[in-house]
C-alpha atoms as a PDB file:
ATOM      1  CA  UNK A   1      10.498   2.242 -20.470  1.00  0.00           C
ATOM      2  CA  UNK A   2       7.709  -0.240 -19.745  1.00  0.00           C
ATOM      3  CA  UNK A   3       5.598  -0.540 -16.602  1.00  0.00           C
ATOM      4  CA  UNK A   4       7.472  -3.528 -15.208  1.00  0.00           C
ATOM      5  CA  UNK A   5      10.832  -1.755 -15.409  1.00  0.00           C
ATOM      6  CA  UNK A   6       9.389   1.346 -13.743  1.00  0.00           C
ATOM      7  CA  UNK A   7       8.128  -0.706 -10.826  1.00  0.00           C
ATOM      8  CA  UNK A   8      11.466  -2.535 -10.627  1.00  0.00           C
ATOM      9  CA  UNK A   9      13.308   0.790 -10.360  1.00  0.00           C
ATOM     10  CA  UNK A  10      11.076   1.983  -7.534  1.00  0.00           C
ATOM     11  CA  UNK A  11      11.492  -1.373  -5.803  1.00  0.00           C
ATOM     12  CA  UNK A  12      15.205  -0.605  -5.405  1.00  0.00           C
ATOM     13  CA  UNK A  13      14.528   2.465  -3.251  1.00  0.00           C
ATOM     14  CA  UNK A  14      13.214   2.712   0.324  1.00  0.00           C
ATOM     15  CA  UNK A  15       9.954   4.529   0.915  1.00  0.00           C
ATOM     16  CA  UNK A  16      11.746   7.232   2.919  1.00  0.00           C
ATOM     17  CA  UNK A  17      13.829   8.193  -0.120  1.00  0.00           C
ATOM     18  CA  UNK A  18      10.800   8.124  -2.416  1.00  0.00           C
ATOM     19  CA  UNK A  19       8.937  10.330   0.038  1.00  0.00           C
ATOM     20  CA  UNK A  20      11.825  12.818  -0.079  1.00  0.00           C
ATOM     21  CA  UNK A  21      11.518  12.978  -3.865  1.00  0.00           C
ATOM     22  CA  UNK A  22       7.763  13.525  -3.638  1.00  0.00           C
ATOM     23  CA  UNK A  23       8.299  16.240  -1.040  1.00  0.00           C
ATOM     24  CA  UNK A  24      10.476  18.100  -3.559  1.00  0.00           C
ATOM     25  CA  UNK A  25       7.377  18.143  -5.778  1.00  0.00           C
ATOM     26  CA  UNK A  26       5.256  19.399  -2.854  1.00  0.00           C
ATOM     27  CA  UNK A  27       3.458  16.049  -2.769  1.00  0.00           C
ATOM     28  CA  UNK A  28       2.765  14.276   0.517  1.00  0.00           C
ATOM     29  CA  UNK A  29       2.458  10.794  -0.890  1.00  0.00           C
ATOM     30  CA  UNK A  30       3.045   8.968   2.393  1.00  0.00           C
ATOM     31  CA  UNK A  31       0.083   6.972   3.697  1.00  0.00           C
ATOM     32  CA  UNK A  32       0.503   7.397   7.416  1.00  0.00           C
ATOM     33  CA  UNK A  33      -0.659   5.109  10.182  1.00  0.00           C
ATOM     34  CA  UNK A  34      -0.450   1.726   8.434  1.00  0.00           C
ATOM     35  CA  UNK A  35       2.062  -0.887   9.522  1.00  0.00           C
ATOM     36  CA  UNK A  36       3.493  -4.137   8.108  1.00  0.00           C
ATOM     37  CA  UNK A  37       1.853  -7.159   9.691  1.00  0.00           C
ATOM     38  CA  UNK A  38       4.977  -9.307   9.366  1.00  0.00           C
ATOM     39  CA  UNK A  39       8.389  -8.053  10.352  1.00  0.00           C
ATOM     40  CA  UNK A  40      10.285  -9.646   7.446  1.00  0.00           C
ATOM     41  CA  UNK A  41       7.744  -9.202   4.638  1.00  0.00           C
ATOM     42  CA  UNK A  42      10.126  -7.007   2.655  1.00  0.00           C
ATOM     43  CA  UNK A  43       9.431  -4.282   0.097  1.00  0.00           C
ATOM     44  CA  UNK A  44       6.815  -4.374  -2.642  1.00  0.00           C
ATOM     45  CA  UNK A  45       6.171  -2.087  -5.616  1.00  0.00           C
ATOM     46  CA  UNK A  46       3.225  -2.372  -7.967  1.00  0.00           C
ATOM     47  CA  UNK A  47       0.225  -0.704  -9.544  1.00  0.00           C
ATOM     48  CA  UNK A  48      -2.630   0.464  -7.345  1.00  0.00           C
ATOM     49  CA  UNK A  49      -6.016  -1.208  -7.364  1.00  0.00           C
ATOM     50  CA  UNK A  50      -8.003   1.269  -5.234  1.00  0.00           C
ATOM     51  CA  UNK A  51     -11.075   0.024  -3.356  1.00  0.00           C
ATOM     52  CA  UNK A  52     -13.599   1.918  -1.254  1.00  0.00           C
ATOM     53  CA  UNK A  53     -16.040   0.310   1.183  1.00  0.00           C
ATOM     54  CA  UNK A  54     -18.835   2.585   2.405  1.00  0.00           C
ATOM     55  CA  UNK A  55     -20.328   2.711   5.882  1.00  0.00           C
ATOM     56  CA  UNK A  56     -23.767   1.143   5.935  1.00  0.00           C
ATOM     57  CA  UNK A  57     -25.260  -0.884   8.760  1.00  0.00           C
ATOM     58  CA  UNK A  58     -26.827  -4.292   8.086  1.00  0.00           C
ATOM     59  CA  UNK A  59     -26.970  -3.952   4.306  1.00  0.00           C
ATOM     60  CA  UNK A  60     -28.514  -7.172   2.888  1.00  0.00           C
ATOM     61  CA  UNK A  61     -26.352  -6.704  -0.228  1.00  0.00           C
ATOM     62  CA  UNK A  62     -23.246  -7.116   1.952  1.00  0.00           C
ATOM     63  CA  UNK A  63     -24.397  -9.963   4.182  1.00  0.00           C
ATOM     64  CA  UNK A  64     -23.317 -13.570   3.801  1.00  0.00           C
ATOM     65  CA  UNK A  65     -23.521 -16.295   6.436  1.00  0.00           C
ATOM     66  CA  UNK A  66     -20.467 -17.154   8.504  1.00  0.00           C
ATOM     67  CA  UNK A  67     -16.863 -16.155   7.935  1.00  0.00           C
ATOM     68  CA  UNK A  68     -14.971 -16.399   4.699  1.00  0.00           C
ATOM     69  CA  UNK A  69     -15.492 -13.852   1.963  1.00  0.00           C
ATOM     70  CA  UNK A  70     -18.265 -11.275   2.281  1.00  0.00           C
ATOM     71  CA  UNK A  71     -20.140 -10.094  -0.809  1.00  0.00           C
ATOM     72  CA  UNK A  72     -18.338  -6.714  -1.006  1.00  0.00           C
ATOM     73  CA  UNK A  73     -14.930  -8.398  -0.813  1.00  0.00           C
ATOM     74  CA  UNK A  74     -15.980 -10.935  -3.455  1.00  0.00           C
ATOM     75  CA  UNK A  75     -16.115  -8.117  -6.018  1.00  0.00           C
ATOM     76  CA  UNK A  76     -12.550  -7.144  -5.148  1.00  0.00           C
ATOM     77  CA  UNK A  77     -11.249 -10.696  -5.392  1.00  0.00           C
ATOM     78  CA  UNK A  78     -12.872 -11.114  -8.813  1.00  0.00           C
ATOM     79  CA  UNK A  79     -11.260  -7.899 -10.102  1.00  0.00           C
ATOM     80  CA  UNK A  80      -7.707  -8.253  -8.765  1.00  0.00           C
ATOM     81  CA  UNK A  81      -4.888  -9.396 -11.039  1.00  0.00           C
ATOM     82  CA  UNK A  82      -1.151 -10.096 -11.045  1.00  0.00           C
ATOM     83  CA  UNK A  83       1.155  -7.162 -10.364  1.00  0.00           C
ATOM     84  CA  UNK A  84      -1.488  -5.150  -8.529  1.00  0.00           C
ATOM     85  CA  UNK A  85      -1.417  -3.860  -4.969  1.00  0.00           C
ATOM     86  CA  UNK A  86      -4.859  -3.683  -3.405  1.00  0.00           C
ATOM     87  CA  UNK A  87      -5.294  -0.473  -1.437  1.00  0.00           C
ATOM     88  CA  UNK A  88      -8.560  -0.568   0.476  1.00  0.00           C
ATOM     89  CA  UNK A  89     -10.246   2.302   2.280  1.00  0.00           C
ATOM     90  CA  UNK A  90     -12.550   1.509   5.203  1.00  0.00           C
ATOM     91  CA  UNK A  91     -12.351   5.047   6.596  1.00  0.00           C
ATOM     92  CA  UNK A  92      -9.602   3.903   8.944  1.00  0.00           C
ATOM     93  CA  UNK A  93     -12.096   1.850  10.978  1.00  0.00           C
ATOM     94  CA  UNK A  94     -10.564  -0.234  13.768  1.00  0.00           C
ATOM     95  CA  UNK A  95     -13.755  -2.002  14.938  1.00  0.00           C
ATOM     96  CA  UNK A  96     -14.127  -4.329  11.919  1.00  0.00           C
ATOM     97  CA  UNK A  97     -12.146  -5.585   8.942  1.00  0.00           C
ATOM     98  CA  UNK A  98     -12.698  -6.740   5.364  1.00  0.00           C
ATOM     99  CA  UNK A  99      -9.359  -8.529   4.854  1.00  0.00           C
ATOM    100  CA  UNK A 100      -8.101 -11.779   6.328  1.00  0.00           C
ATOM    101  CA  UNK A 101      -6.358 -15.063   5.719  1.00  0.00           C
ATOM    102  CA  UNK A 102      -8.569 -16.495   2.962  1.00  0.00           C
ATOM    103  CA  UNK A 103      -8.473 -13.256   0.958  1.00  0.00           C
ATOM    104  CA  UNK A 104      -4.691 -13.187   1.316  1.00  0.00           C
ATOM    105  CA  UNK A 105      -4.333 -16.737   0.004  1.00  0.00           C
ATOM    106  CA  UNK A 106      -6.617 -16.026  -2.957  1.00  0.00           C
ATOM    107  CA  UNK A 107      -4.734 -12.821  -3.771  1.00  0.00           C
ATOM    108  CA  UNK A 108      -1.418 -14.618  -3.530  1.00  0.00           C
ATOM    109  CA  UNK A 109      -2.641 -17.308  -5.967  1.00  0.00           C
ATOM    110  CA  UNK A 110      -3.525 -14.588  -8.493  1.00  0.00           C
ATOM    111  CA  UNK A 111      -0.121 -12.898  -8.240  1.00  0.00           C
ATOM    112  CA  UNK A 112      -1.301  -9.839  -6.323  1.00  0.00           C
ATOM    113  CA  UNK A 113       1.725  -8.276  -4.640  1.00  0.00           C
ATOM    114  CA  UNK A 114       0.153  -7.145  -1.382  1.00  0.00           C
ATOM    115  CA  UNK A 115      -2.707  -5.349   0.361  1.00  0.00           C
ATOM    116  CA  UNK A 116      -2.759  -1.949   2.066  1.00  0.00           C
ATOM    117  CA  UNK A 117      -5.652  -1.505   4.495  1.00  0.00           C
ATOM    118  CA  UNK A 118      -6.813   1.924   5.617  1.00  0.00           C
ATOM    119  CA  UNK A 119      -8.433  -0.077   8.373  1.00  0.00           C
ATOM    120  CA  UNK A 120      -7.565  -3.357  10.058  1.00  0.00           C
ATOM    121  CA  UNK A 121      -6.972  -6.953   9.039  1.00  0.00           C
ATOM    122  CA  UNK A 122      -7.615 -10.284  10.765  1.00  0.00           C
ATOM    123  CA  UNK A 123      -6.322 -13.872  10.664  1.00  0.00           C
ATOM    124  CA  UNK A 124      -2.816 -12.525  11.158  1.00  0.00           C
ATOM    125  CA  UNK A 125      -1.466 -16.012  11.889  1.00  0.00           C
ATOM    126  CA  UNK A 126      -2.702 -17.251   8.487  1.00  0.00           C
ATOM    127  CA  UNK A 127      -1.386 -14.173   6.715  1.00  0.00           C
ATOM    128  CA  UNK A 128       2.047 -14.628   8.233  1.00  0.00           C
ATOM    129  CA  UNK A 129       2.073 -18.363   7.556  1.00  0.00           C
ATOM    130  CA  UNK A 130       1.317 -17.971   3.853  1.00  0.00           C
ATOM    131  CA  UNK A 131       3.767 -15.054   3.531  1.00  0.00           C
ATOM    132  CA  UNK A 132       1.385 -12.577   1.906  1.00  0.00           C
ATOM    133  CA  UNK A 133       2.327  -8.917   2.557  1.00  0.00           C
ATOM    134  CA  UNK A 134      -0.289  -6.821   4.364  1.00  0.00           C
ATOM    135  CA  UNK A 135      -0.049  -3.307   5.771  1.00  0.00           C
ATOM    136  CA  UNK A 136      -2.865  -2.174   8.090  1.00  0.00           C
ATOM    137  CA  UNK A 137      -3.725   0.194  10.919  1.00  0.00           C
ATOM    138  CA  UNK A 138      -3.991  -2.789  13.240  1.00  0.00           C
ATOM    139  CA  UNK A 139      -5.888  -6.025  13.755  1.00  0.00           C
ATOM    140  CA  UNK A 140      -9.491  -6.842  14.607  1.00  0.00           C
ATOM    141  CA  UNK A 141     -11.218 -10.255  14.444  1.00  0.00           C
ATOM    142  CA  UNK A 142     -14.673  -8.823  13.629  1.00  0.00           C
ATOM    143  CA  UNK A 143     -15.942  -9.035  10.036  1.00  0.00           C
ATOM    144  CA  UNK A 144     -16.973  -5.814   8.300  1.00  0.00           C
ATOM    145  CA  UNK A 145     -20.184  -6.807   6.498  1.00  0.00           C
ATOM    146  CA  UNK A 146     -22.458  -5.557   9.327  1.00  0.00           C
ATOM    147  CA  UNK A 147     -20.953  -2.068   9.133  1.00  0.00           C
ATOM    148  CA  UNK A 148     -19.752  -1.624   5.543  1.00  0.00           C
ATOM    149  CA  UNK A 149     -20.962  -2.291   2.035  1.00  0.00           C
ATOM    150  CA  UNK A 150     -19.288  -2.173  -1.364  1.00  0.00           C
ATOM    151  CA  UNK A 151     -18.480   1.321  -2.582  1.00  0.00           C
ATOM    152  CA  UNK A 152     -16.171   1.534  -5.599  1.00  0.00           C
ATOM    153  CA  UNK A 153     -13.313  -0.295  -7.261  1.00  0.00           C
ATOM    154  CA  UNK A 154     -10.694   1.168  -9.612  1.00  0.00           C
ATOM    155  CA  UNK A 155     -12.077   4.636  -8.876  1.00  0.00           C
ATOM    156  CA  UNK A 156     -10.014   7.313  -7.066  1.00  0.00           C
ATOM    157  CA  UNK A 157      -9.991   7.150  -3.275  1.00  0.00           C
ATOM    158  CA  UNK A 158      -8.695   9.641  -0.709  1.00  0.00           C
ATOM    159  CA  UNK A 159      -6.643   8.361   2.224  1.00  0.00           C
ATOM    160  CA  UNK A 160      -5.094  10.719   4.785  1.00  0.00           C
ATOM    161  CA  UNK A 161      -5.815  13.598   2.435  1.00  0.00           C
ATOM    162  CA  UNK A 162      -4.052  12.057  -0.574  1.00  0.00           C
ATOM    163  CA  UNK A 163      -5.763  11.085  -3.818  1.00  0.00           C
ATOM    164  CA  UNK A 164      -4.923   7.545  -5.026  1.00  0.00           C
ATOM    165  CA  UNK A 165      -5.884   6.448  -8.530  1.00  0.00           C
ATOM    166  CA  UNK A 166      -5.874   3.257 -10.545  1.00  0.00           C
ATOM    167  CA  UNK A 167      -2.345   2.369 -11.711  1.00  0.00           C
ATOM    168  CA  UNK A 168      -0.536   4.872  -9.521  1.00  0.00           C
ATOM    169  CA  UNK A 169       2.606   3.162  -8.220  1.00  0.00           C
ATOM    170  CA  UNK A 170       2.522   1.963  -4.622  1.00  0.00           C
ATOM    171  CA  UNK A 171       5.718   1.163  -2.733  1.00  0.00           C
ATOM    172  CA  UNK A 172       5.597  -0.312   0.772  1.00  0.00           C
ATOM    173  CA  UNK A 173       8.298  -1.459   3.175  1.00  0.00           C
ATOM    174  CA  UNK A 174       9.061  -1.546   6.898  1.00  0.00           C
ATOM    175  CA  UNK A 175       8.990   2.274   7.092  1.00  0.00           C
ATOM    176  CA  UNK A 176       5.519   2.566   5.568  1.00  0.00           C
ATOM    177  CA  UNK A 177       3.672   3.148   2.313  1.00  0.00           C
ATOM    178  CA  UNK A 178       4.015   5.779  -0.416  1.00  0.00           C
ATOM    179  CA  UNK A 179       1.994   6.439  -3.548  1.00  0.00           C
ATOM    180  CA  UNK A 180       3.531   7.935  -6.691  1.00  0.00           C
ATOM    181  CA  UNK A 181       0.874   9.520  -8.955  1.00  0.00           C
ATOM    182  CA  UNK A 182       1.162   7.992 -12.433  1.00  0.00           C
ATOM    183  CA  UNK A 183       1.429  11.447 -14.036  1.00  0.00           C
ATOM    184  CA  UNK A 184       4.466  12.259 -11.842  1.00  0.00           C
ATOM    185  CA  UNK A 185       6.395   8.993 -12.220  1.00  0.00           C
ATOM    186  CA  UNK A 186       9.126  10.406 -14.498  1.00  0.00           C
ATOM    187  CA  UNK A 187       9.653  13.559 -12.421  1.00  0.00           C
ATOM    188  CA  UNK A 188       9.775  11.503  -9.237  1.00  0.00           C
ATOM    189  CA  UNK A 189      12.322   9.085 -10.718  1.00  0.00           C
ATOM    190  CA  UNK A 190      14.584  11.924 -11.870  1.00  0.00           C
ATOM    191  CA  UNK A 191      14.559  13.456  -8.393  1.00  0.00           C
ATOM    192  CA  UNK A 192      15.014  10.043  -6.804  1.00  0.00           C
ATOM    193  CA  UNK A 193      18.219   9.458  -8.773  1.00  0.00           C
ATOM    194  CA  UNK A 194      19.646  12.808  -7.664  1.00  0.00           C
ATOM    195  CA  UNK A 195      18.703  12.286  -4.019  1.00  0.00           C
ATOM    196  CA  UNK A 196      20.088   8.726  -4.030  1.00  0.00           C
ATOM    197  CA  UNK A 197      23.428   9.980  -5.348  1.00  0.00           C
ATOM    198  CA  UNK A 198      23.459  12.751  -2.751  1.00  0.00           C
ATOM    199  CA  UNK A 199      22.849  10.234   0.044  1.00  0.00           C
ATOM    200  CA  UNK A 200      25.645   7.973  -1.213  1.00  0.00           C
ATOM    201  CA  UNK A 201      28.105  10.868  -1.103  1.00  0.00           C
ATOM    202  CA  UNK A 202      26.954  11.969   2.338  1.00  0.00           C
ATOM    203  CA  UNK A 203      27.081   8.444   3.764  1.00  0.00           C
ATOM    204  CA  UNK A 204      30.630   8.025   2.442  1.00  0.00           C
ATOM    205  CA  UNK A 205      31.693  11.295   4.065  1.00  0.00           C
ATOM    206  CA  UNK A 206      29.978  10.427   7.350  1.00  0.00           C
ATOM    207  CA  UNK A 207      31.683   7.027   7.511  1.00  0.00           C
ATOM    208  CA  UNK A 208      35.025   8.700   6.850  1.00  0.00           C
ATOM    209  CA  UNK A 209      34.240  11.422   9.396  1.00  0.00           C
ATOM    210  CA  UNK A 210      34.835  13.913   6.611  1.00  0.00           C
ATOM    211  CA  UNK A 211      31.630  15.902   6.039  1.00  0.00           C
ATOM    212  CA  UNK A 212      32.918  19.078   4.412  1.00  0.00           C
ATOM    213  CA  UNK A 213      29.841  21.070   3.377  1.00  0.00           C
ATOM    214  CA  UNK A 214      26.230  19.966   3.890  1.00  0.00           C
ATOM    215  CA  UNK A 215      25.064  22.353   1.142  1.00  0.00           C
ATOM    216  CA  UNK A 216      27.408  21.086  -1.584  1.00  0.00           C
ATOM    217  CA  UNK A 217      26.326  17.492  -1.802  1.00  0.00           C
END
């Protein structure tokens, strides 16, 4: 089973169901506190490109005049590729952002599937107009280069206590974001199939007002 087919299988399932499967493995893979920035942006599933920006005030290596793309973000935009989901950690900061409309348009041109911000985004009107999927803690118009500098890319990051690595599978929809560790993909899929079947049976019984035994589904 190749990578594309794995991602396609996960794309068929809502994040809530995937989270249930991860819970059965004692994994809390849900990235809490990030929200879709467009109501109808749908579900995405792809391979993680983890990025970490580090707190550092007035770093000359991060500064660039005006708006547009700051030097730290430039490194991300040069590294991203089709089929990836950028997942960027700014320590959950809400007073500045590293992602906006121009970055979204560039990512979209390269075939990137979406961006998850453990922090905020800006230029929401542009993001919504071009149709690029972004999940974030909120919005903030202020650029990040006065408060953050480049940290790492394609190295593990920790968000809300969960370790996210390069090429883990990320799934995001209206309910939120989950991360499936690449070493647990097969186990998660097997559990997901069982739970999906269980839910189909239960839904059928509920609609028929004929739930017979909650423990025998």
